[in-house]
Amino acid sequence: MLRDTVASEDRLVAEAATHLADAGGKRFRPLLVAVGAHFGDPDSPLVVPAAAVVELTHLGTLYHDDVMDEAEVRRGAPSANSRWGNSIAILIGDYLFARAADLAAELGLEAVRIQSRTFARLVHGQIAETLGPAEGEDKVEHYLNVIAEKTGSLIATSALFGGMFSGVAPPHLDALRAYGETIGTAFQLSDDLLDIASDSEQSGKMPGTDLREGIPTLPVLYALASDDHDAASVRLREILAAGPVTDDALHAEALGLLRESPAMKLARETVRSYAERSRSALSGLPEVPARRAMESLCDYIADRTG
């Protein structure tokens, strides 16, 4: 359905629009649509189109993200911008958003409204990340809000769509949406920790990549906000405050200090708190295998970060 929806008589559009879809990915968002549908009728003919809507929306954001980040690789393949240039990548991202909206229209007015409002949140999150926190704004609170807008919002819609288009009762829809928002935020935050705590085989990239690029993830923000006066904490703040840690020796030192820091412990506790909030959101849902699958995801996210 992804390929059929973005099909075009224009050869370039057809090739570029299927580029990332064909490259693979976890398909986490359509998976949540499918799991959410098991609280109703999973065989409803509307479930697969709903899953395609959220995945096409996600793919569109990836095309734009890669342009903004000047990324050269995405999902193990050359990024669209590195292959066809920034202008084409931006336009193909727009095309995917348009095709997602067209498919949502077949699901009804409420689906269009939810998809468009979700997209608006994605844009707000990206703008907030680009501008950074305002003067006097708490940097951790700003960061958590960016994650909720950029990541949690579409994952919330994914779980919600699964319930909506399988005939789930309205009170249960609220629970699915709340679960999706918090589990999406928890999953993204756990990636922050994996970038520091894991080896390359577990995280899929070299440890400390965000540190090298000067991306202020949650453990780094906690470390910078700390007022601990022990030598390790002071030294860590000194390295992090200088910006991107590109020197190999300093990078290794900062990575070691972060792994053993109170900031890392606090970040793990934050991830676990979001995972537990996700579990709590499921409390009113029927005891079916889909609920147990969603609960196991909470355990997985808490465990994957140590």
C-alpha atoms as a PDB file:
ATOM      1  CA  MET A   1       0.000   0.000   0.000  1.00  0.00           C
ATOM      2  CA  LEU A   2       2.896   2.386   0.663  1.00  0.00           C
ATOM      3  CA  ARG A   3       4.185   1.843  -2.867  1.00  0.00           C
ATOM      4  CA  ASP A   4       0.737   2.018  -4.467  1.00  0.00           C
ATOM      5  CA  THR A   5      -0.129   5.249  -2.652  1.00  0.00           C
ATOM      6  CA  VAL A   6       2.985   7.126  -3.793  1.00  0.00           C
ATOM      7  CA  ALA A   7       2.962   5.744  -7.341  1.00  0.00           C
ATOM      8  CA  SER A   8       3.530   8.370 -10.026  1.00  0.00           C
ATOM      9  CA  GLU A   9       3.814   8.454 -13.803  1.00  0.00           C
ATOM     10  CA  ASP A  10       6.871  10.636 -13.336  1.00  0.00           C
ATOM     11  CA  ARG A  11       9.825   8.253 -13.122  1.00  0.00           C
ATOM     12  CA  LEU A  12      11.892  10.464 -10.802  1.00  0.00           C
ATOM     13  CA  VAL A  13       8.999  11.081  -8.404  1.00  0.00           C
ATOM     14  CA  ALA A  14       8.166   7.374  -8.331  1.00  0.00           C
ATOM     15  CA  GLU A  15      11.779   6.384  -7.632  1.00  0.00           C
ATOM     16  CA  ALA A  16      12.473   9.058  -5.044  1.00  0.00           C
ATOM     17  CA  ALA A  17       9.145   8.608  -3.228  1.00  0.00           C
ATOM     18  CA  THR A  18       9.740   4.897  -2.666  1.00  0.00           C
ATOM     19  CA  HIS A  19      13.432   5.353  -1.821  1.00  0.00           C
ATOM     20  CA  LEU A  20      13.135   5.316   1.975  1.00  0.00           C
ATOM     21  CA  ALA A  21      10.141   2.976   2.066  1.00  0.00           C
ATOM     22  CA  ASP A  22      12.148   0.391   0.149  1.00  0.00           C
ATOM     23  CA  ALA A  23      15.161   0.952   2.430  1.00  0.00           C
ATOM     24  CA  GLY A  24      13.243  -0.653   5.306  1.00  0.00           C
ATOM     25  CA  GLY A  25      13.150   0.618   8.871  1.00  0.00           C
ATOM     26  CA  LYS A  26      11.464  -0.672  12.018  1.00  0.00           C
ATOM     27  CA  ARG A  27       7.905   0.204  10.893  1.00  0.00           C
ATOM     28  CA  PHE A  28       7.244   0.941  14.568  1.00  0.00           C
ATOM     29  CA  ARG A  29       4.319   3.286  13.907  1.00  0.00           C
ATOM     30  CA  PRO A  30       2.315   0.968  11.639  1.00  0.00           C
ATOM     31  CA  LEU A  31       3.108  -1.847  14.084  1.00  0.00           C
ATOM     32  CA  LEU A  32       1.367   0.115  16.839  1.00  0.00           C
ATOM     33  CA  VAL A  33      -1.624   0.655  14.532  1.00  0.00           C
ATOM     34  CA  ALA A  34      -1.813  -3.110  14.060  1.00  0.00           C
ATOM     35  CA  VAL A  35      -1.442  -3.913  17.767  1.00  0.00           C
ATOM     36  CA  GLY A  36      -3.993  -1.248  18.738  1.00  0.00           C
ATOM     37  CA  ALA A  37      -6.457  -2.789  16.294  1.00  0.00           C
ATOM     38  CA  HIS A  38      -6.461  -5.999  18.339  1.00  0.00           C
ATOM     39  CA  PHE A  39      -8.551  -4.263  20.987  1.00  0.00           C
ATOM     40  CA  GLY A  40     -11.282  -4.223  18.326  1.00  0.00           C
ATOM     41  CA  ASP A  41     -11.606  -5.979  14.979  1.00  0.00           C
ATOM     42  CA  PRO A  42      -8.071  -6.358  13.563  1.00  0.00           C
ATOM     43  CA  ASP A  43      -9.503  -7.551  10.244  1.00  0.00           C
ATOM     44  CA  SER A  44     -11.228  -4.232   9.571  1.00  0.00           C
ATOM     45  CA  PRO A  45     -10.343  -3.077   6.027  1.00  0.00           C
ATOM     46  CA  LEU A  46      -9.495   0.386   7.390  1.00  0.00           C
ATOM     47  CA  VAL A  47      -6.582  -0.732   9.571  1.00  0.00           C
ATOM     48  CA  VAL A  48      -3.944  -1.114   6.835  1.00  0.00           C
ATOM     49  CA  PRO A  49      -4.754   2.269   5.202  1.00  0.00           C
ATOM     50  CA  ALA A  50      -4.528   3.892   8.651  1.00  0.00           C
ATOM     51  CA  ALA A  51      -1.109   2.305   9.148  1.00  0.00           C
ATOM     52  CA  ALA A  52       0.003   3.587   5.750  1.00  0.00           C
ATOM     53  CA  VAL A  53      -1.097   7.136   6.667  1.00  0.00           C
ATOM     54  CA  VAL A  54       1.132   7.292   9.741  1.00  0.00           C
ATOM     55  CA  GLU A  55       4.114   5.669   8.009  1.00  0.00           C
ATOM     56  CA  LEU A  56       3.894   8.020   4.997  1.00  0.00           C
ATOM     57  CA  THR A  57       3.719  10.982   7.377  1.00  0.00           C
ATOM     58  CA  HIS A  58       6.790   9.680   9.198  1.00  0.00           C
ATOM     59  CA  LEU A  59       8.681   9.096   5.945  1.00  0.00           C
ATOM     60  CA  GLY A  60       7.913  12.635   4.800  1.00  0.00           C
ATOM     61  CA  THR A  61       9.497  14.032   7.953  1.00  0.00           C
ATOM     62  CA  LEU A  62      12.637  11.934   7.353  1.00  0.00           C
ATOM     63  CA  TYR A  63      13.182  13.505   3.917  1.00  0.00           C
ATOM     64  CA  HIS A  64      12.961  16.964   5.459  1.00  0.00           C
ATOM     65  CA  ASP A  65      15.053  16.033   8.520  1.00  0.00           C
ATOM     66  CA  ASP A  66      17.882  14.779   6.323  1.00  0.00           C
ATOM     67  CA  VAL A  67      17.957  18.071   4.437  1.00  0.00           C
ATOM     68  CA  MET A  68      18.080  20.070   7.674  1.00  0.00           C
ATOM     69  CA  ASP A  69      20.753  17.791   9.145  1.00  0.00           C
ATOM     70  CA  GLU A  70      22.712  17.538   5.878  1.00  0.00           C
ATOM     71  CA  ALA A  71      22.618  13.763   6.383  1.00  0.00           C
ATOM     72  CA  GLU A  72      24.306  11.562   3.806  1.00  0.00           C
ATOM     73  CA  VAL A  73      22.894   8.194   4.869  1.00  0.00           C
ATOM     74  CA  ARG A  74      19.463   7.044   6.022  1.00  0.00           C
ATOM     75  CA  ARG A  75      18.563   3.432   6.822  1.00  0.00           C
ATOM     76  CA  GLY A  76      21.832   2.201   5.384  1.00  0.00           C
ATOM     77  CA  ALA A  77      21.233   3.828   1.983  1.00  0.00           C
ATOM     78  CA  PRO A  78      22.224   7.217   0.541  1.00  0.00           C
ATOM     79  CA  SER A  79      19.793   9.865   1.779  1.00  0.00           C
ATOM     80  CA  ALA A  80      17.458  11.405  -0.786  1.00  0.00           C
ATOM     81  CA  ASN A  81      19.174  14.783  -0.476  1.00  0.00           C
ATOM     82  CA  SER A  82      22.611  13.307  -1.102  1.00  0.00           C
ATOM     83  CA  ARG A  83      21.295  11.427  -4.145  1.00  0.00           C
ATOM     84  CA  TRP A  84      18.958  13.958  -5.765  1.00  0.00           C
ATOM     85  CA  GLY A  85      19.761  17.228  -3.983  1.00  0.00           C
ATOM     86  CA  ASN A  86      17.987  19.252  -1.320  1.00  0.00           C
ATOM     87  CA  SER A  87      15.265  20.705  -3.535  1.00  0.00           C
ATOM     88  CA  ILE A  88      14.071  17.329  -4.783  1.00  0.00           C
ATOM     89  CA  ALA A  89      14.236  15.834  -1.276  1.00  0.00           C
ATOM     90  CA  ILE A  90      12.084  18.641   0.138  1.00  0.00           C
ATOM     91  CA  LEU A  91       9.547  18.323  -2.661  1.00  0.00           C
ATOM     92  CA  ILE A  92       9.344  14.543  -2.302  1.00  0.00           C
ATOM     93  CA  GLY A  93       8.745  14.980   1.429  1.00  0.00           C
ATOM     94  CA  ASP A  94       5.897  17.355   0.540  1.00  0.00           C
ATOM     95  CA  TYR A  95       4.573  14.807  -1.939  1.00  0.00           C
ATOM     96  CA  LEU A  96       4.505  12.103   0.743  1.00  0.00           C
ATOM     97  CA  PHE A  97       2.585  14.399   3.111  1.00  0.00           C
ATOM     98  CA  ALA A  98       0.078  15.081   0.324  1.00  0.00           C
ATOM     99  CA  ARG A  99      -0.376  11.382  -0.413  1.00  0.00           C
ATOM    100  CA  ALA A 100      -0.820  10.652   3.309  1.00  0.00           C
ATOM    101  CA  ALA A 101      -3.537  13.325   3.497  1.00  0.00           C
ATOM    102  CA  ASP A 102      -5.268  11.904   0.423  1.00  0.00           C
ATOM    103  CA  LEU A 103      -5.282   8.422   1.948  1.00  0.00           C
ATOM    104  CA  ALA A 104      -6.532   9.837   5.278  1.00  0.00           C
ATOM    105  CA  ALA A 105      -9.454  11.437   3.416  1.00  0.00           C
ATOM    106  CA  GLU A 106     -10.625   7.953   2.461  1.00  0.00           C
ATOM    107  CA  LEU A 107     -10.827   7.145   6.181  1.00  0.00           C
ATOM    108  CA  GLY A 108     -13.108  10.102   6.920  1.00  0.00           C
ATOM    109  CA  LEU A 109     -13.080  13.684   8.153  1.00  0.00           C
ATOM    110  CA  GLU A 110     -11.940  12.807  11.690  1.00  0.00           C
ATOM    111  CA  ALA A 111      -8.897  10.969  10.345  1.00  0.00           C
ATOM    112  CA  VAL A 112      -7.957  14.015   8.251  1.00  0.00           C
ATOM    113  CA  ARG A 113      -8.376  16.294  11.269  1.00  0.00           C
ATOM    114  CA  ILE A 114      -6.229  14.084  13.519  1.00  0.00           C
ATOM    115  CA  GLN A 115      -3.522  13.614  10.881  1.00  0.00           C
ATOM    116  CA  SER A 116      -3.308  17.350  10.162  1.00  0.00           C
ATOM    117  CA  ARG A 117      -3.163  18.273  13.856  1.00  0.00           C
ATOM    118  CA  THR A 118      -0.484  15.648  14.405  1.00  0.00           C
ATOM    119  CA  PHE A 119       1.506  17.110  11.524  1.00  0.00           C
ATOM    120  CA  ALA A 120       1.155  20.566  13.075  1.00  0.00           C
ATOM    121  CA  ARG A 121       2.648  19.205  16.310  1.00  0.00           C
ATOM    122  CA  LEU A 122       5.535  17.661  14.388  1.00  0.00           C
ATOM    123  CA  VAL A 123       6.274  21.033  12.819  1.00  0.00           C
ATOM    124  CA  HIS A 124       6.060  22.842  16.157  1.00  0.00           C
ATOM    125  CA  GLY A 125       8.473  20.322  17.636  1.00  0.00           C
ATOM    126  CA  GLN A 126      10.951  20.753  14.813  1.00  0.00           C
ATOM    127  CA  ILE A 127      10.797  24.554  15.073  1.00  0.00           C
ATOM    128  CA  ALA A 128      11.316  24.376  18.853  1.00  0.00           C
ATOM    129  CA  GLU A 129      14.331  22.106  18.365  1.00  0.00           C
ATOM    130  CA  THR A 130      15.771  24.373  15.675  1.00  0.00           C
ATOM    131  CA  LEU A 131      15.390  27.558  17.743  1.00  0.00           C
ATOM    132  CA  GLY A 132      16.420  25.990  21.044  1.00  0.00           C
ATOM    133  CA  PRO A 133      15.097  27.034  24.450  1.00  0.00           C
ATOM    134  CA  ALA A 134      14.123  30.646  24.994  1.00  0.00           C
ATOM    135  CA  GLU A 135      16.082  32.767  27.435  1.00  0.00           C
ATOM    136  CA  GLY A 136      15.218  31.650  30.941  1.00  0.00           C
ATOM    137  CA  GLU A 137      13.420  28.502  29.767  1.00  0.00           C
ATOM    138  CA  ASP A 138      14.345  25.255  31.493  1.00  0.00           C
ATOM    139  CA  LYS A 139      16.446  23.334  28.963  1.00  0.00           C
ATOM    140  CA  VAL A 140      15.383  19.883  30.135  1.00  0.00           C
ATOM    141  CA  GLU A 141      11.702  20.824  30.021  1.00  0.00           C
ATOM    142  CA  HIS A 142      12.205  22.278  26.536  1.00  0.00           C
ATOM    143  CA  TYR A 143      13.921  19.111  25.362  1.00  0.00           C
ATOM    144  CA  LEU A 144      11.205  16.825  26.731  1.00  0.00           C
ATOM    145  CA  ASN A 145       8.583  18.957  25.016  1.00  0.00           C
ATOM    146  CA  VAL A 146      10.451  18.692  21.700  1.00  0.00           C
ATOM    147  CA  ILE A 147      10.533  14.895  22.017  1.00  0.00           C
ATOM    148  CA  ALA A 148       6.807  14.776  22.817  1.00  0.00           C
ATOM    149  CA  GLU A 149       5.974  16.941  19.797  1.00  0.00           C
ATOM    150  CA  LYS A 150       8.410  15.435  17.284  1.00  0.00           C
ATOM    151  CA  THR A 151       8.171  11.772  18.259  1.00  0.00           C
ATOM    152  CA  GLY A 152       5.418  11.158  20.786  1.00  0.00           C
ATOM    153  CA  SER A 153       2.681  12.866  18.768  1.00  0.00           C
ATOM    154  CA  LEU A 154       2.792  10.589  15.711  1.00  0.00           C
ATOM    155  CA  ILE A 155       3.223   7.437  17.799  1.00  0.00           C
ATOM    156  CA  ALA A 156       0.182   8.529  19.833  1.00  0.00           C
ATOM    157  CA  THR A 157      -1.779   8.881  16.603  1.00  0.00           C
ATOM    158  CA  SER A 158      -0.594   5.442  15.510  1.00  0.00           C
ATOM    159  CA  ALA A 159      -2.014   3.709  18.591  1.00  0.00           C
ATOM    160  CA  LEU A 160      -5.160   5.849  18.368  1.00  0.00           C
ATOM    161  CA  PHE A 161      -5.727   4.993  14.685  1.00  0.00           C
ATOM    162  CA  GLY A 162      -5.419   1.284  15.454  1.00  0.00           C
ATOM    163  CA  GLY A 163      -8.255   1.573  17.929  1.00  0.00           C
ATOM    164  CA  MET A 164     -10.370   3.978  15.875  1.00  0.00           C
ATOM    165  CA  PHE A 165     -10.435   1.919  12.719  1.00  0.00           C
ATOM    166  CA  SER A 166     -11.042  -1.379  14.459  1.00  0.00           C
ATOM    167  CA  GLY A 167     -14.125  -0.114  16.313  1.00  0.00           C
ATOM    168  CA  VAL A 168     -12.714   0.373  19.827  1.00  0.00           C
ATOM    169  CA  ALA A 169     -14.929   2.244  22.341  1.00  0.00           C
ATOM    170  CA  PRO A 170     -14.068   5.969  22.959  1.00  0.00           C
ATOM    171  CA  PRO A 171     -12.739   5.559  26.546  1.00  0.00           C
ATOM    172  CA  HIS A 172     -10.289   2.963  25.292  1.00  0.00           C
ATOM    173  CA  LEU A 173      -9.222   5.283  22.472  1.00  0.00           C
ATOM    174  CA  ASP A 174      -8.091   7.846  25.042  1.00  0.00           C
ATOM    175  CA  ALA A 175      -6.011   5.159  26.756  1.00  0.00           C
ATOM    176  CA  LEU A 176      -4.367   4.098  23.484  1.00  0.00           C
ATOM    177  CA  ARG A 177      -3.516   7.681  22.581  1.00  0.00           C
ATOM    178  CA  ALA A 178      -2.009   8.341  26.025  1.00  0.00           C
ATOM    179  CA  TYR A 179      -0.006   5.128  25.839  1.00  0.00           C
ATOM    180  CA  GLY A 180       1.366   6.017  22.405  1.00  0.00           C
ATOM    181  CA  GLU A 181       2.444   9.503  23.451  1.00  0.00           C
ATOM    182  CA  THR A 182       4.376   8.364  26.505  1.00  0.00           C
ATOM    183  CA  ILE A 183       5.864   5.192  25.021  1.00  0.00           C
ATOM    184  CA  GLY A 184       7.031   7.196  22.003  1.00  0.00           C
ATOM    185  CA  THR A 185       8.748   9.713  24.249  1.00  0.00           C
ATOM    186  CA  ALA A 186      10.284   6.936  26.354  1.00  0.00           C
ATOM    187  CA  PHE A 187      11.603   5.155  23.269  1.00  0.00           C
ATOM    188  CA  GLN A 188      13.295   8.286  21.929  1.00  0.00           C
ATOM    189  CA  LEU A 189      14.803   9.114  25.324  1.00  0.00           C
ATOM    190  CA  SER A 190      16.142   5.574  25.653  1.00  0.00           C
ATOM    191  CA  ASP A 191      17.952   6.092  22.345  1.00  0.00           C
ATOM    192  CA  ASP A 192      19.722   9.042  23.992  1.00  0.00           C
ATOM    193  CA  LEU A 193      21.011   6.744  26.695  1.00  0.00           C
ATOM    194  CA  LEU A 194      21.985   3.973  24.305  1.00  0.00           C
ATOM    195  CA  ASP A 195      24.151   6.425  22.382  1.00  0.00           C
ATOM    196  CA  ILE A 196      26.217   6.807  25.541  1.00  0.00           C
ATOM    197  CA  ALA A 197      25.911   3.493  27.354  1.00  0.00           C
ATOM    198  CA  SER A 198      25.943   0.871  24.605  1.00  0.00           C
ATOM    199  CA  ASP A 199      28.460  -0.514  22.181  1.00  0.00           C
ATOM    200  CA  SER A 200      28.013   0.015  18.441  1.00  0.00           C
ATOM    201  CA  GLU A 201      26.397  -3.402  17.908  1.00  0.00           C
ATOM    202  CA  GLN A 202      23.534  -2.596  20.291  1.00  0.00           C
ATOM    203  CA  SER A 203      22.831   0.993  19.231  1.00  0.00           C
ATOM    204  CA  GLY A 204      23.549   0.637  15.507  1.00  0.00           C
ATOM    205  CA  LYS A 205      25.988   3.557  15.543  1.00  0.00           C
ATOM    206  CA  MET A 206      29.271   4.488  17.164  1.00  0.00           C
ATOM    207  CA  PRO A 207      28.896   5.320  20.876  1.00  0.00           C
ATOM    208  CA  GLY A 208      28.870   9.026  21.631  1.00  0.00           C
ATOM    209  CA  THR A 209      27.811  10.117  18.132  1.00  0.00           C
ATOM    210  CA  ASP A 210      25.485  12.758  19.573  1.00  0.00           C
ATOM    211  CA  LEU A 211      28.327  13.947  21.791  1.00  0.00           C
ATOM    212  CA  ARG A 212      30.613  14.433  18.788  1.00  0.00           C
ATOM    213  CA  GLU A 213      27.926  16.356  16.926  1.00  0.00           C
ATOM    214  CA  GLY A 214      27.109  18.583  19.879  1.00  0.00           C
ATOM    215  CA  ILE A 215      23.529  17.323  20.185  1.00  0.00           C
ATOM    216  CA  PRO A 216      22.387  18.074  23.757  1.00  0.00           C
ATOM    217  CA  THR A 217      20.539  14.878  24.696  1.00  0.00           C
ATOM    218  CA  LEU A 218      18.946  14.240  28.076  1.00  0.00           C
ATOM    219  CA  PRO A 219      22.013  12.917  29.992  1.00  0.00           C
ATOM    220  CA  VAL A 220      24.103  15.837  28.722  1.00  0.00           C
ATOM    221  CA  LEU A 221      21.440  18.363  29.744  1.00  0.00           C
ATOM    222  CA  TYR A 222      21.220  16.826  33.205  1.00  0.00           C
ATOM    223  CA  ALA A 223      25.011  16.907  33.519  1.00  0.00           C
ATOM    224  CA  LEU A 224      25.200  20.576  32.483  1.00  0.00           C
ATOM    225  CA  ALA A 225      22.416  21.513  34.901  1.00  0.00           C
ATOM    226  CA  SER A 226      24.074  19.706  37.810  1.00  0.00           C
ATOM    227  CA  ASP A 227      25.546  21.692  40.683  1.00  0.00           C
ATOM    228  CA  ASP A 228      27.593  18.743  41.990  1.00  0.00           C
ATOM    229  CA  HIS A 229      31.076  19.858  43.032  1.00  0.00           C
ATOM    230  CA  ASP A 230      32.941  16.564  42.921  1.00  0.00           C
ATOM    231  CA  ALA A 231      35.908  16.498  40.550  1.00  0.00           C
ATOM    232  CA  ALA A 232      34.275  14.174  38.008  1.00  0.00           C
ATOM    233  CA  SER A 233      31.124  16.296  37.678  1.00  0.00           C
ATOM    234  CA  VAL A 234      33.080  19.537  37.397  1.00  0.00           C
ATOM    235  CA  ARG A 235      35.362  18.060  34.744  1.00  0.00           C
ATOM    236  CA  LEU A 236      32.402  16.672  32.788  1.00  0.00           C
ATOM    237  CA  ARG A 237      30.640  20.048  32.757  1.00  0.00           C
ATOM    238  CA  GLU A 238      33.865  21.681  31.614  1.00  0.00           C
ATOM    239  CA  ILE A 239      34.139  19.375  28.592  1.00  0.00           C
ATOM    240  CA  LEU A 240      30.449  19.513  27.668  1.00  0.00           C
ATOM    241  CA  ALA A 241      30.173  23.294  27.973  1.00  0.00           C
ATOM    242  CA  ALA A 242      32.737  23.713  25.188  1.00  0.00           C
ATOM    243  CA  GLY A 243      30.328  22.324  22.583  1.00  0.00           C
ATOM    244  CA  PRO A 244      30.819  19.388  20.175  1.00  0.00           C
ATOM    245  CA  VAL A 245      33.428  16.987  21.566  1.00  0.00           C
ATOM    246  CA  THR A 246      35.420  16.154  18.435  1.00  0.00           C
ATOM    247  CA  ASP A 247      38.825  15.511  19.972  1.00  0.00           C
ATOM    248  CA  ASP A 248      39.205  11.719  20.363  1.00  0.00           C
ATOM    249  CA  ALA A 249      40.867  11.862  23.783  1.00  0.00           C
ATOM    250  CA  LEU A 250      38.329  14.336  25.196  1.00  0.00           C
ATOM    251  CA  HIS A 251      35.487  12.353  23.633  1.00  0.00           C
ATOM    252  CA  ALA A 252      36.611   9.145  25.331  1.00  0.00           C
ATOM    253  CA  GLU A 253      37.017  10.973  28.635  1.00  0.00           C
ATOM    254  CA  ALA A 254      33.586  12.605  28.428  1.00  0.00           C
ATOM    255  CA  LEU A 255      31.944   9.315  27.457  1.00  0.00           C
ATOM    256  CA  GLY A 256      33.499   7.558  30.442  1.00  0.00           C
ATOM    257  CA  LEU A 257      32.494  10.332  32.834  1.00  0.00           C
ATOM    258  CA  LEU A 258      28.931  10.416  31.499  1.00  0.00           C
ATOM    259  CA  ARG A 259      28.494   6.670  31.861  1.00  0.00           C
ATOM    260  CA  GLU A 260      29.332   6.853  35.570  1.00  0.00           C
ATOM    261  CA  SER A 261      27.650  10.177  36.293  1.00  0.00           C
ATOM    262  CA  PRO A 262      24.593  10.977  38.437  1.00  0.00           C
ATOM    263  CA  ALA A 263      23.185  12.589  35.270  1.00  0.00           C
ATOM    264  CA  MET A 264      23.091   9.197  33.561  1.00  0.00           C
ATOM    265  CA  LYS A 265      21.320   7.667  36.559  1.00  0.00           C
ATOM    266  CA  LEU A 266      18.767  10.491  36.526  1.00  0.00           C
ATOM    267  CA  ALA A 267      18.206  10.042  32.778  1.00  0.00           C
ATOM    268  CA  ARG A 268      17.561   6.315  33.301  1.00  0.00           C
ATOM    269  CA  GLU A 269      15.035   7.168  36.017  1.00  0.00           C
ATOM    270  CA  THR A 270      13.312   9.572  33.617  1.00  0.00           C
ATOM    271  CA  VAL A 271      13.011   6.879  30.953  1.00  0.00           C
ATOM    272  CA  ARG A 272      11.593   4.440  33.492  1.00  0.00           C
ATOM    273  CA  SER A 273       9.072   7.033  34.679  1.00  0.00           C
ATOM    274  CA  TYR A 274       7.770   7.474  31.120  1.00  0.00           C
ATOM    275  CA  ALA A 275       7.629   3.690  30.650  1.00  0.00           C
ATOM    276  CA  GLU A 276       5.610   3.358  33.856  1.00  0.00           C
ATOM    277  CA  ARG A 277       3.264   6.152  32.777  1.00  0.00           C
ATOM    278  CA  SER A 278       2.729   4.212  29.560  1.00  0.00           C
ATOM    279  CA  ARG A 279       1.908   1.076  31.521  1.00  0.00           C
ATOM    280  CA  SER A 280      -0.541   3.007  33.714  1.00  0.00           C
ATOM    281  CA  ALA A 281      -2.358   4.280  30.621  1.00  0.00           C
ATOM    282  CA  LEU A 282      -3.193   0.674  29.727  1.00  0.00           C
ATOM    283  CA  SER A 283      -4.854  -0.079  33.060  1.00  0.00           C
ATOM    284  CA  GLY A 284      -8.402   0.410  31.781  1.00  0.00           C
ATOM    285  CA  LEU A 285      -7.978  -1.670  28.632  1.00  0.00           C
ATOM    286  CA  PRO A 286      -9.238  -5.271  28.317  1.00  0.00           C
ATOM    287  CA  GLU A 287      -6.864  -8.073  29.309  1.00  0.00           C
ATOM    288  CA  VAL A 288      -6.088  -9.314  25.804  1.00  0.00           C
ATOM    289  CA  PRO A 289      -2.761 -10.385  24.226  1.00  0.00           C
ATOM    290  CA  ALA A 290      -2.361  -6.936  22.644  1.00  0.00           C
ATOM    291  CA  ARG A 291      -2.324  -5.324  26.085  1.00  0.00           C
ATOM    292  CA  ARG A 292       0.344  -7.745  27.268  1.00  0.00           C
ATOM    293  CA  ALA A 293       2.391  -6.953  24.155  1.00  0.00           C
ATOM    294  CA  MET A 294       2.175  -3.241  24.907  1.00  0.00           C
ATOM    295  CA  GLU A 295       3.139  -3.838  28.539  1.00  0.00           C
ATOM    296  CA  SER A 296       6.140  -5.897  27.437  1.00  0.00           C
ATOM    297  CA  LEU A 297       7.285  -2.942  25.355  1.00  0.00           C
ATOM    298  CA  CYS A 298       7.347  -0.856  28.551  1.00  0.00           C
ATOM    299  CA  ASP A 299       9.623  -3.483  30.141  1.00  0.00           C
ATOM    300  CA  TYR A 300      11.833  -3.613  27.054  1.00  0.00           C
ATOM    301  CA  ILE A 301      12.398   0.143  26.987  1.00  0.00           C
ATOM    302  CA  ALA A 302      13.204   0.270  30.693  1.00  0.00           C
ATOM    303  CA  ASP A 303      15.585  -2.708  30.416  1.00  0.00           C
ATOM    304  CA  ARG A 304      17.392  -1.676  27.217  1.00  0.00           C
ATOM    305  CA  THR A 305      18.937   1.301  28.982  1.00  0.00           C
ATOM    306  CA  GLY A 306      20.261  -0.713  31.928  1.00  0.00           C
END
